[in-house]
Protein backbone atom coordinates (compact mmCIF):
# COMPACT_ATOMS: atom_id res chain seq x y z
CA MET A 1 283.59 125.86 46.00
CA ASN A 2 279.57 124.84 45.44
CA LYS A 3 278.44 122.36 47.64
CA LEU A 4 275.59 120.08 46.18
CA LYS A 5 272.93 119.58 47.76
CA LEU A 6 270.83 116.98 46.52
CA ASP A 7 267.53 117.23 48.90
CA GLU A 8 266.59 120.01 47.16
CA GLY A 9 265.60 118.06 43.71
CA TRP A 10 263.87 115.56 46.04
CA ASN A 11 261.79 118.59 47.46
CA THR A 12 261.06 120.54 44.33
CA LEU A 13 259.37 117.04 42.87
CA TRP A 14 257.64 116.47 46.18
CA SER A 15 256.61 120.03 46.05
CA ALA A 16 254.66 119.34 42.51
CA LEU A 17 253.73 115.70 43.13
CA THR A 18 252.17 116.64 46.55
CA GLY A 19 250.36 119.40 44.26
CA ALA A 20 249.19 117.39 41.64
CA VAL A 21 247.30 114.72 43.72
CA PRO A 22 246.33 116.20 47.34
CA THR A 23 245.48 113.04 48.46
CA LEU A 24 248.60 111.42 47.87
CA GLN A 25 250.61 110.73 51.04
CA SER A 26 247.68 109.19 52.49
CA ILE A 27 247.22 107.05 49.90
CA LEU A 28 250.88 105.93 50.65
CA ALA A 29 249.91 106.15 54.35
CA VAL A 30 247.44 103.10 54.09
CA LEU A 31 249.35 101.55 51.53
CA ALA A 32 252.47 101.86 54.01
CA THR A 33 250.04 100.41 56.80
CA ALA A 34 249.03 97.90 54.60
CA LEU A 35 251.92 96.15 53.34
CA ALA A 36 253.61 96.68 57.09
CA VAL A 37 250.51 94.22 58.40
CA TRP A 38 251.10 91.89 55.76
CA ALA A 39 254.36 91.48 56.78
CA VAL A 40 254.09 90.84 59.92
CA ILE A 41 251.32 88.58 59.17
CA SER A 42 253.57 86.51 56.59
CA PHE A 43 256.08 86.24 58.57
CA ILE A 44 253.95 85.09 61.21
CA ASN A 45 252.49 83.41 58.97
CA GLY A 46 256.00 81.18 58.37
CA LYS A 47 257.14 80.97 61.96
CA ARG A 48 253.75 78.72 62.68
CA ASN A 49 255.52 76.68 59.28
CA ASN A 50 258.59 76.72 59.51
CA ARG A 51 259.63 79.46 56.37
CA ALA A 52 259.70 82.54 58.61
CA ASN A 53 262.17 84.45 56.90
CA PRO A 54 263.36 88.17 58.40
CA LYS A 55 265.59 89.34 56.05
CA GLN A 56 262.23 89.50 54.51
CA LEU A 57 260.45 90.64 57.23
CA GLY A 58 262.57 93.81 57.57
CA TRP A 59 263.02 95.34 53.97
CA LEU A 60 259.29 94.79 53.51
CA LEU A 61 258.78 96.81 56.50
CA ALA A 62 261.40 99.64 55.58
CA LEU A 63 259.34 99.85 52.62
CA ALA A 64 256.46 100.35 54.36
CA ALA A 65 258.55 103.43 56.39
CA LEU A 66 259.93 104.67 52.81
CA LEU A 67 256.00 104.89 51.71
CA ALA A 68 254.68 106.11 55.62
CA LEU A 69 257.17 109.31 55.57
CA PRO A 70 259.13 109.57 52.21
CA ASN A 71 258.51 113.56 53.20
CA PHE A 72 260.93 112.64 56.26
CA ILE A 73 263.17 109.48 54.98
CA ILE A 74 264.59 110.65 51.39
CA PRO A 75 265.20 114.01 52.24
CA LEU A 76 267.52 112.40 54.62
CA LEU A 77 268.98 109.73 53.08
CA LEU A 78 269.34 112.65 50.06
CA ARG A 79 271.51 114.57 52.42
CA LEU A 80 273.60 111.46 53.99
CA LEU A 81 275.05 111.58 50.69
CA SER A 82 275.29 114.85 50.01
CA PHE A 83 277.55 115.03 53.13
CA VAL A 84 279.57 112.02 52.35
CA LEU A 85 279.76 113.37 48.76
CA ASN A 86 281.21 116.92 49.59
CA PHE A 87 283.24 115.39 52.32
CA ILE A 88 285.29 113.43 49.03
CA ILE A 89 285.25 116.49 46.91
CA GLY A 90 286.68 118.21 49.62
CA LEU A 91 289.49 115.58 50.03
CA PHE A 92 290.42 115.79 46.42
CA GLY A 93 289.57 119.29 45.49
CA GLY A 94 293.08 120.20 47.05
CA PHE A 95 294.66 118.28 43.99
CA ALA A 96 292.64 119.79 40.69
């Protein structure tokens, strides 16, 4: 039975993108840093005005991490999804 490998498609896409735009990783890192700084400043300002939203801070920091490390986080998530899907396929593969 063939195993799903969802991260291989992402690796091909990421290689093509970084080949076309060599500074893409640096641009994304700068954007991620700016987003993280803005999120923390916004949260601190919200705390002063009793409007702070910790969920928003968490989501923005997660997005900043995704922007900073797309060549690590996205393949990791895709490998996890592949593992789960392969497990489910393995469970129900015996019925076919």
